Amino acid sequence: MASNVVSAPAATVSIIPTITLIAELERVIANASVQRRVEILTHIADLFVSGSARFVKEDIELFDDLFTRLVLVIESAAKSALAERLARVANAPFNVVRMLASDNDIKVAHPILAHSLQLDDATLVLSARTKSQAHLLAISQRQSVSEAVTDVLVERGNKPVVHCLAGNPGAKFSEGGFALLVNCSANDDTLAIAIGSRADVPPHILSNLLEMASEMVQMKFTAENVRREFSIFEPRFSFFGNEAPLLVV
């Protein structure tokens, strides 16, 4: 006998976790071993990363809610694994990224502080003002560091931090930041050379640097300037068959 039941149109199945599923995942993770927690969270993170390019704002917000709930009940090992997965994802969930960046455990915070494009200057400045030197070093390794952030890093940072900043071509410095950086270079030839080698050093800052620098640093930059001047007049020769080379001026 023919059925009178009319099949409903197939519903679109979302891969985004529901609130019930979130609660179930929280329960499972709370009772799982450390290794199992890492595996579960890594699987969810991989699910997000693999589909991140096609997720819309609402999808990302739901993943954000899921991650932020789970981060509260997992160990540092699992949080570190999550940070590694999300650090280089351009549209990584904003709230969980900030949570991971502000973690006191540098193994958790480092990937996010060093690589995530989802961190705004306000978050970076707060971390630079309040976190450990290891956190500051991670920030100084970013591909781009604004003046507002470098001002704090130079003020609070130890020797490895300021050395890293001075050698980072993506770090931008205010005039005050450059001045403070030059002050840090007193009795530090390596830092002085790194600062003086930057293309963005204002002339008057460079002059102050050379006045403070050791004789060795002064001689190095003097020699380099002489080489640059003479390179302008370096003779160039053109050869035409078997004829003698012609000097090209």
C-alpha atoms as a PDB file:
ATOM      1  CA  MET A   1       0.000   0.000   0.000  1.00  0.00           C
ATOM      2  CA  ALA A   2       1.334   3.358  -0.981  1.00  0.00           C
ATOM      3  CA  SER A   3       2.344   5.587   1.854  1.00  0.00           C
ATOM      4  CA  ASN A   4       0.485   8.868   2.334  1.00  0.00           C
ATOM      5  CA  VAL A   5       3.460  10.374   4.145  1.00  0.00           C
ATOM      6  CA  VAL A   6       5.002  13.207   2.184  1.00  0.00           C
ATOM      7  CA  SER A   7       8.738  13.405   2.591  1.00  0.00           C
ATOM      8  CA  ALA A   8       9.921  16.738   3.852  1.00  0.00           C
ATOM      9  CA  PRO A   9      12.638  18.494   1.899  1.00  0.00           C
ATOM     10  CA  ALA A  10      16.085  17.561   3.080  1.00  0.00           C
ATOM     11  CA  ALA A  11      17.214  20.082   5.654  1.00  0.00           C
ATOM     12  CA  THR A  12      20.561  21.708   5.398  1.00  0.00           C
ATOM     13  CA  VAL A  13      22.822  20.066   7.947  1.00  0.00           C
ATOM     14  CA  SER A  14      25.101  22.454   9.740  1.00  0.00           C
ATOM     15  CA  ILE A  15      28.474  21.349  10.994  1.00  0.00           C
ATOM     16  CA  ILE A  16      28.303  24.053  13.637  1.00  0.00           C
ATOM     17  CA  PRO A  17      27.800  22.593  17.135  1.00  0.00           C
ATOM     18  CA  THR A  18      24.466  23.215  18.828  1.00  0.00           C
ATOM     19  CA  ILE A  19      24.181  24.381  22.437  1.00  0.00           C
ATOM     20  CA  THR A  20      23.318  20.811  23.453  1.00  0.00           C
ATOM     21  CA  LEU A  21      26.380  19.485  21.701  1.00  0.00           C
ATOM     22  CA  ILE A  22      28.532  22.150  23.338  1.00  0.00           C
ATOM     23  CA  ALA A  23      27.293  21.085  26.769  1.00  0.00           C
ATOM     24  CA  GLU A  24      27.950  17.430  25.900  1.00  0.00           C
ATOM     25  CA  LEU A  25      31.461  18.241  24.737  1.00  0.00           C
ATOM     26  CA  GLU A  26      32.133  20.125  27.959  1.00  0.00           C
ATOM     27  CA  ARG A  27      30.995  17.081  29.944  1.00  0.00           C
ATOM     28  CA  VAL A  28      33.125  14.689  27.898  1.00  0.00           C
ATOM     29  CA  ILE A  29      36.226  16.868  28.156  1.00  0.00           C
ATOM     30  CA  ALA A  30      35.754  17.386  31.900  1.00  0.00           C
ATOM     31  CA  ASN A  31      35.912  13.600  32.414  1.00  0.00           C
ATOM     32  CA  ALA A  32      38.558  12.753  29.830  1.00  0.00           C
ATOM     33  CA  SER A  33      42.272  12.211  30.297  1.00  0.00           C
ATOM     34  CA  VAL A  34      44.683  15.003  29.437  1.00  0.00           C
ATOM     35  CA  GLN A  35      45.678  13.276  26.210  1.00  0.00           C
ATOM     36  CA  ARG A  36      42.051  12.732  25.238  1.00  0.00           C
ATOM     37  CA  ARG A  37      41.249  16.404  25.876  1.00  0.00           C
ATOM     38  CA  VAL A  38      44.041  17.432  23.543  1.00  0.00           C
ATOM     39  CA  GLU A  39      42.743  15.043  20.884  1.00  0.00           C
ATOM     40  CA  ILE A  40      39.150  16.321  21.141  1.00  0.00           C
ATOM     41  CA  LEU A  41      40.055  19.977  21.023  1.00  0.00           C
ATOM     42  CA  THR A  42      42.556  19.425  18.228  1.00  0.00           C
ATOM     43  CA  HIS A  43      39.866  17.680  16.188  1.00  0.00           C
ATOM     44  CA  ILE A  44      37.438  20.585  16.653  1.00  0.00           C
ATOM     45  CA  ALA A  45      40.181  23.077  15.832  1.00  0.00           C
ATOM     46  CA  ASP A  46      41.049  21.174  12.666  1.00  0.00           C
ATOM     47  CA  LEU A  47      37.359  21.206  11.722  1.00  0.00           C
ATOM     48  CA  PHE A  48      37.362  24.983  12.034  1.00  0.00           C
ATOM     49  CA  VAL A  49      40.659  25.506  10.218  1.00  0.00           C
ATOM     50  CA  SER A  50      39.669  23.300   7.291  1.00  0.00           C
ATOM     51  CA  GLY A  51      36.410  25.187   6.777  1.00  0.00           C
ATOM     52  CA  SER A  52      37.415  28.679   7.891  1.00  0.00           C
ATOM     53  CA  ALA A  53      37.569  30.068   4.358  1.00  0.00           C
ATOM     54  CA  ARG A  54      33.867  29.387   3.771  1.00  0.00           C
ATOM     55  CA  PHE A  55      32.464  30.209   7.218  1.00  0.00           C
ATOM     56  CA  VAL A  56      30.324  33.298   7.615  1.00  0.00           C
ATOM     57  CA  LYS A  57      30.314  35.594  10.634  1.00  0.00           C
ATOM     58  CA  GLU A  58      27.628  33.589  12.476  1.00  0.00           C
ATOM     59  CA  ASP A  59      29.553  30.341  12.008  1.00  0.00           C
ATOM     60  CA  ILE A  60      32.736  31.854  13.406  1.00  0.00           C
ATOM     61  CA  GLU A  61      30.868  33.306  16.387  1.00  0.00           C
ATOM     62  CA  LEU A  62      29.484  29.874  17.261  1.00  0.00           C
ATOM     63  CA  PHE A  63      32.931  28.316  17.033  1.00  0.00           C
ATOM     64  CA  ASP A  64      34.161  31.176  19.199  1.00  0.00           C
ATOM     65  CA  ASP A  65      31.533  30.345  21.811  1.00  0.00           C
ATOM     66  CA  LEU A  66      32.519  26.686  21.711  1.00  0.00           C
ATOM     67  CA  PHE A  67      36.240  27.370  22.040  1.00  0.00           C
ATOM     68  CA  THR A  68      35.901  29.921  24.833  1.00  0.00           C
ATOM     69  CA  ARG A  69      33.768  27.505  26.878  1.00  0.00           C
ATOM     70  CA  LEU A  70      36.212  24.660  26.390  1.00  0.00           C
ATOM     71  CA  VAL A  71      39.320  26.731  27.112  1.00  0.00           C
ATOM     72  CA  LEU A  72      37.998  27.269  30.633  1.00  0.00           C
ATOM     73  CA  VAL A  73      38.060  23.523  31.413  1.00  0.00           C
ATOM     74  CA  ILE A  74      41.194  22.271  29.654  1.00  0.00           C
ATOM     75  CA  GLU A  75      44.851  22.098  30.622  1.00  0.00           C
ATOM     76  CA  SER A  76      47.675  24.158  29.195  1.00  0.00           C
ATOM     77  CA  ALA A  77      48.729  21.347  26.857  1.00  0.00           C
ATOM     78  CA  ALA A  78      45.353  21.420  25.125  1.00  0.00           C
ATOM     79  CA  LYS A  79      45.278  25.225  25.034  1.00  0.00           C
ATOM     80  CA  SER A  80      48.744  25.243  23.516  1.00  0.00           C
ATOM     81  CA  ALA A  81      47.594  22.844  20.799  1.00  0.00           C
ATOM     82  CA  LEU A  82      44.600  25.084  20.065  1.00  0.00           C
ATOM     83  CA  ALA A  83      46.798  28.184  19.906  1.00  0.00           C
ATOM     84  CA  GLU A  84      49.096  26.482  17.392  1.00  0.00           C
ATOM     85  CA  ARG A  85      46.100  25.641  15.183  1.00  0.00           C
ATOM     86  CA  LEU A  86      44.540  29.113  15.279  1.00  0.00           C
ATOM     87  CA  ALA A  87      47.610  31.361  15.249  1.00  0.00           C
ATOM     88  CA  ARG A  88      47.884  31.678  11.476  1.00  0.00           C
ATOM     89  CA  VAL A  89      44.181  31.587  10.593  1.00  0.00           C
ATOM     90  CA  ALA A  90      43.231  35.044   9.316  1.00  0.00           C
ATOM     91  CA  ASN A  91      39.632  34.864  10.551  1.00  0.00           C
ATOM     92  CA  ALA A  92      40.248  32.936  13.775  1.00  0.00           C
ATOM     93  CA  PRO A  93      37.556  33.532  16.432  1.00  0.00           C
ATOM     94  CA  PHE A  94      38.356  36.845  18.102  1.00  0.00           C
ATOM     95  CA  ASN A  95      37.461  36.136  21.746  1.00  0.00           C
ATOM     96  CA  VAL A  96      39.300  32.849  22.097  1.00  0.00           C
ATOM     97  CA  VAL A  97      42.334  34.335  20.355  1.00  0.00           C
ATOM     98  CA  ARG A  98      42.438  37.100  22.971  1.00  0.00           C
ATOM     99  CA  MET A  99      42.024  34.553  25.774  1.00  0.00           C
ATOM    100  CA  LEU A 100      44.935  32.495  24.490  1.00  0.00           C
ATOM    101  CA  ALA A 101      47.116  35.566  23.934  1.00  0.00           C
ATOM    102  CA  SER A 102      46.624  36.673  27.538  1.00  0.00           C
ATOM    103  CA  ASP A 103      47.392  33.273  29.049  1.00  0.00           C
ATOM    104  CA  ASN A 104      50.221  33.410  31.582  1.00  0.00           C
ATOM    105  CA  ASP A 105      51.692  30.213  30.144  1.00  0.00           C
ATOM    106  CA  ILE A 106      53.986  31.378  27.331  1.00  0.00           C
ATOM    107  CA  LYS A 107      53.599  28.025  25.546  1.00  0.00           C
ATOM    108  CA  VAL A 108      49.935  28.919  25.098  1.00  0.00           C
ATOM    109  CA  ALA A 109      50.345  32.626  24.385  1.00  0.00           C
ATOM    110  CA  HIS A 110      53.418  32.582  22.147  1.00  0.00           C
ATOM    111  CA  PRO A 111      51.916  31.344  18.846  1.00  0.00           C
ATOM    112  CA  ILE A 112      49.078  33.874  19.063  1.00  0.00           C
ATOM    113  CA  LEU A 113      51.215  36.824  20.187  1.00  0.00           C
ATOM    114  CA  ALA A 114      53.811  36.174  17.512  1.00  0.00           C
ATOM    115  CA  HIS A 115      51.567  35.375  14.549  1.00  0.00           C
ATOM    116  CA  SER A 116      47.841  36.080  14.899  1.00  0.00           C
ATOM    117  CA  LEU A 117      46.440  38.892  12.763  1.00  0.00           C
ATOM    118  CA  GLN A 118      43.333  38.927  14.956  1.00  0.00           C
ATOM    119  CA  LEU A 119      45.054  40.784  17.786  1.00  0.00           C
ATOM    120  CA  ASP A 120      44.446  44.529  17.841  1.00  0.00           C
ATOM    121  CA  ASP A 121      46.858  47.087  19.253  1.00  0.00           C
ATOM    122  CA  ALA A 122      44.849  47.457  22.462  1.00  0.00           C
ATOM    123  CA  THR A 123      45.292  43.746  23.241  1.00  0.00           C
ATOM    124  CA  LEU A 124      48.988  43.812  22.358  1.00  0.00           C
ATOM    125  CA  VAL A 125      49.638  46.942  24.437  1.00  0.00           C
ATOM    126  CA  LEU A 126      47.869  45.380  27.434  1.00  0.00           C
ATOM    127  CA  SER A 127      49.996  42.242  27.149  1.00  0.00           C
ATOM    128  CA  ALA A 128      53.134  44.324  26.702  1.00  0.00           C
ATOM    129  CA  ARG A 129      52.328  46.265  29.875  1.00  0.00           C
ATOM    130  CA  THR A 130      51.352  43.349  32.091  1.00  0.00           C
ATOM    131  CA  LYS A 131      52.915  40.096  30.920  1.00  0.00           C
ATOM    132  CA  SER A 132      56.326  38.445  31.223  1.00  0.00           C
ATOM    133  CA  GLN A 133      59.435  39.194  29.207  1.00  0.00           C
ATOM    134  CA  ALA A 134      58.778  35.993  27.246  1.00  0.00           C
ATOM    135  CA  HIS A 135      55.399  37.430  26.195  1.00  0.00           C
ATOM    136  CA  LEU A 136      57.072  40.690  25.189  1.00  0.00           C
ATOM    137  CA  LEU A 137      59.629  38.779  23.117  1.00  0.00           C
ATOM    138  CA  ALA A 138      56.838  36.961  21.276  1.00  0.00           C
ATOM    139  CA  ILE A 139      55.156  40.277  20.433  1.00  0.00           C
ATOM    140  CA  SER A 140      58.451  41.722  19.205  1.00  0.00           C
ATOM    141  CA  GLN A 141      58.674  38.868  16.670  1.00  0.00           C
ATOM    142  CA  ARG A 142      55.448  39.825  14.884  1.00  0.00           C
ATOM    143  CA  GLN A 143      55.610  40.580  11.177  1.00  0.00           C
ATOM    144  CA  SER A 144      54.273  44.050  11.902  1.00  0.00           C
ATOM    145  CA  VAL A 145      54.453  45.952  15.201  1.00  0.00           C
ATOM    146  CA  SER A 146      52.936  49.425  15.497  1.00  0.00           C
ATOM    147  CA  GLU A 147      54.475  52.450  17.216  1.00  0.00           C
ATOM    148  CA  ALA A 148      51.962  52.231  20.068  1.00  0.00           C
ATOM    149  CA  VAL A 149      53.155  48.704  20.833  1.00  0.00           C
ATOM    150  CA  THR A 150      56.885  49.255  20.356  1.00  0.00           C
ATOM    151  CA  ASP A 151      56.771  52.253  22.719  1.00  0.00           C
ATOM    152  CA  VAL A 152      55.748  49.898  25.533  1.00  0.00           C
ATOM    153  CA  LEU A 153      58.071  47.089  24.478  1.00  0.00           C
ATOM    154  CA  VAL A 154      61.126  49.340  24.456  1.00  0.00           C
ATOM    155  CA  GLU A 155      60.133  50.800  27.818  1.00  0.00           C
ATOM    156  CA  ARG A 156      59.556  47.438  29.552  1.00  0.00           C
ATOM    157  CA  GLY A 157      61.556  45.004  27.471  1.00  0.00           C
ATOM    158  CA  ASN A 158      64.800  43.375  28.483  1.00  0.00           C
ATOM    159  CA  LYS A 159      67.852  42.994  26.267  1.00  0.00           C
ATOM    160  CA  PRO A 160      66.516  40.142  24.059  1.00  0.00           C
ATOM    161  CA  VAL A 161      63.278  42.079  23.492  1.00  0.00           C
ATOM    162  CA  VAL A 162      64.897  45.329  22.383  1.00  0.00           C
ATOM    163  CA  HIS A 163      67.445  43.445  20.247  1.00  0.00           C
ATOM    164  CA  CYS A 164      64.635  41.568  18.516  1.00  0.00           C
ATOM    165  CA  LEU A 165      62.689  44.786  17.905  1.00  0.00           C
ATOM    166  CA  ALA A 166      65.696  46.652  16.534  1.00  0.00           C
ATOM    167  CA  GLY A 167      66.318  43.839  14.051  1.00  0.00           C
ATOM    168  CA  ASN A 168      62.670  43.521  13.007  1.00  0.00           C
ATOM    169  CA  PRO A 169      62.068  45.488   9.777  1.00  0.00           C
ATOM    170  CA  GLY A 170      58.309  45.296  10.395  1.00  0.00           C
ATOM    171  CA  ALA A 171      58.570  47.142  13.715  1.00  0.00           C
ATOM    172  CA  LYS A 172      57.677  50.834  13.585  1.00  0.00           C
ATOM    173  CA  PHE A 173      59.025  53.300  16.132  1.00  0.00           C
ATOM    174  CA  SER A 174      57.849  56.704  17.238  1.00  0.00           C
ATOM    175  CA  GLU A 175      60.514  59.373  17.667  1.00  0.00           C
ATOM    176  CA  GLY A 176      60.319  58.833  21.419  1.00  0.00           C
ATOM    177  CA  GLY A 177      60.627  55.088  20.895  1.00  0.00           C
ATOM    178  CA  PHE A 178      63.741  55.553  18.773  1.00  0.00           C
ATOM    179  CA  ALA A 179      65.239  57.883  21.383  1.00  0.00           C
ATOM    180  CA  LEU A 180      64.639  55.348  24.141  1.00  0.00           C
ATOM    181  CA  LEU A 181      66.040  52.580  21.951  1.00  0.00           C
ATOM    182  CA  VAL A 182      69.205  54.620  21.431  1.00  0.00           C
ATOM    183  CA  ASN A 183      69.521  55.091  25.186  1.00  0.00           C
ATOM    184  CA  CYS A 184      69.289  51.318  25.591  1.00  0.00           C
ATOM    185  CA  SER A 185      72.214  50.928  23.183  1.00  0.00           C
ATOM    186  CA  ALA A 186      74.716  52.558  25.546  1.00  0.00           C
ATOM    187  CA  ASN A 187      77.523  50.013  26.051  1.00  0.00           C
ATOM    188  CA  ASP A 188      75.742  47.626  23.677  1.00  0.00           C
ATOM    189  CA  ASP A 189      77.498  47.603  20.302  1.00  0.00           C
ATOM    190  CA  THR A 190      75.253  44.903  18.852  1.00  0.00           C
ATOM    191  CA  LEU A 191      72.126  46.942  19.545  1.00  0.00           C
ATOM    192  CA  ALA A 192      73.732  50.152  18.294  1.00  0.00           C
ATOM    193  CA  ILE A 193      74.630  48.473  14.994  1.00  0.00           C
ATOM    194  CA  ALA A 194      71.118  47.054  14.633  1.00  0.00           C
ATOM    195  CA  ILE A 195      69.563  50.487  15.180  1.00  0.00           C
ATOM    196  CA  GLY A 196      72.010  52.254  12.876  1.00  0.00           C
ATOM    197  CA  SER A 197      71.386  49.701  10.134  1.00  0.00           C
ATOM    198  CA  ARG A 198      67.657  50.405  10.001  1.00  0.00           C
ATOM    199  CA  ALA A 199      66.421  52.291   6.941  1.00  0.00           C
ATOM    200  CA  ASP A 200      63.816  54.240   8.922  1.00  0.00           C
ATOM    201  CA  VAL A 201      66.069  55.889  11.518  1.00  0.00           C
ATOM    202  CA  PRO A 202      65.605  59.699  11.434  1.00  0.00           C
ATOM    203  CA  PRO A 203      68.903  61.520  10.701  1.00  0.00           C
ATOM    204  CA  HIS A 204      69.010  63.338  14.042  1.00  0.00           C
ATOM    205  CA  ILE A 205      68.420  60.053  15.900  1.00  0.00           C
ATOM    206  CA  LEU A 206      71.242  58.436  13.937  1.00  0.00           C
ATOM    207  CA  SER A 207      73.474  61.385  14.815  1.00  0.00           C
ATOM    208  CA  ASN A 208      72.694  60.938  18.508  1.00  0.00           C
ATOM    209  CA  LEU A 209      73.372  57.217  18.213  1.00  0.00           C
ATOM    210  CA  LEU A 210      76.815  57.802  16.695  1.00  0.00           C
ATOM    211  CA  GLU A 211      77.697  60.351  19.364  1.00  0.00           C
ATOM    212  CA  MET A 212      76.960  57.756  22.063  1.00  0.00           C
ATOM    213  CA  ALA A 213      78.416  54.783  20.204  1.00  0.00           C
ATOM    214  CA  SER A 214      81.746  53.142  20.849  1.00  0.00           C
ATOM    215  CA  GLU A 215      84.722  53.813  18.578  1.00  0.00           C
ATOM    216  CA  MET A 216      84.243  50.426  16.946  1.00  0.00           C
ATOM    217  CA  VAL A 217      80.635  51.218  15.988  1.00  0.00           C
ATOM    218  CA  GLN A 218      81.578  54.679  14.737  1.00  0.00           C
ATOM    219  CA  MET A 219      84.354  53.236  12.582  1.00  0.00           C
ATOM    220  CA  LYS A 220      81.983  50.616  11.174  1.00  0.00           C
ATOM    221  CA  PHE A 221      79.401  53.140  10.029  1.00  0.00           C
ATOM    222  CA  THR A 222      82.059  55.558   8.778  1.00  0.00           C
ATOM    223  CA  ALA A 223      83.586  52.794   6.658  1.00  0.00           C
ATOM    224  CA  GLU A 224      80.171  51.820   5.294  1.00  0.00           C
ATOM    225  CA  ASN A 225      79.398  55.420   4.371  1.00  0.00           C
ATOM    226  CA  VAL A 226      82.720  55.726   2.550  1.00  0.00           C
ATOM    227  CA  ARG A 227      82.013  52.527   0.618  1.00  0.00           C
ATOM    228  CA  ARG A 228      78.572  53.810  -0.376  1.00  0.00           C
ATOM    229  CA  GLU A 229      80.020  57.123  -1.556  1.00  0.00           C
ATOM    230  CA  PHE A 230      82.695  55.452  -3.659  1.00  0.00           C
ATOM    231  CA  SER A 231      80.259  52.921  -5.133  1.00  0.00           C
ATOM    232  CA  ILE A 232      78.582  55.807  -6.946  1.00  0.00           C
ATOM    233  CA  PHE A 233      81.796  56.403  -8.892  1.00  0.00           C
ATOM    234  CA  GLU A 234      82.731  52.757  -9.384  1.00  0.00           C
ATOM    235  CA  PRO A 235      84.003  52.358 -12.952  1.00  0.00           C
ATOM    236  CA  ARG A 236      81.932  50.156 -15.238  1.00  0.00           C
ATOM    237  CA  PHE A 237      83.375  48.610 -18.387  1.00  0.00           C
ATOM    238  CA  SER A 238      81.679  47.518 -21.611  1.00  0.00           C
ATOM    239  CA  PHE A 239      83.262  45.039 -23.984  1.00  0.00           C
ATOM    240  CA  PHE A 240      82.706  45.094 -27.746  1.00  0.00           C
ATOM    241  CA  GLY A 241      84.058  42.021 -29.453  1.00  0.00           C
ATOM    242  CA  ASN A 242      87.828  41.842 -29.298  1.00  0.00           C
ATOM    243  CA  GLU A 243      88.252  45.559 -28.773  1.00  0.00           C
ATOM    244  CA  ALA A 244      89.654  47.055 -25.612  1.00  0.00           C
ATOM    245  CA  PRO A 245      87.106  47.654 -22.857  1.00  0.00           C
ATOM    246  CA  LEU A 246      85.473  51.059 -22.831  1.00  0.00           C
ATOM    247  CA  LEU A 247      84.990  52.925 -19.580  1.00  0.00           C
ATOM    248  CA  VAL A 248      81.351  53.866 -19.105  1.00  0.00           C
ATOM    249  CA  VAL A 249      80.874  57.000 -17.011  1.00  0.00           C
END
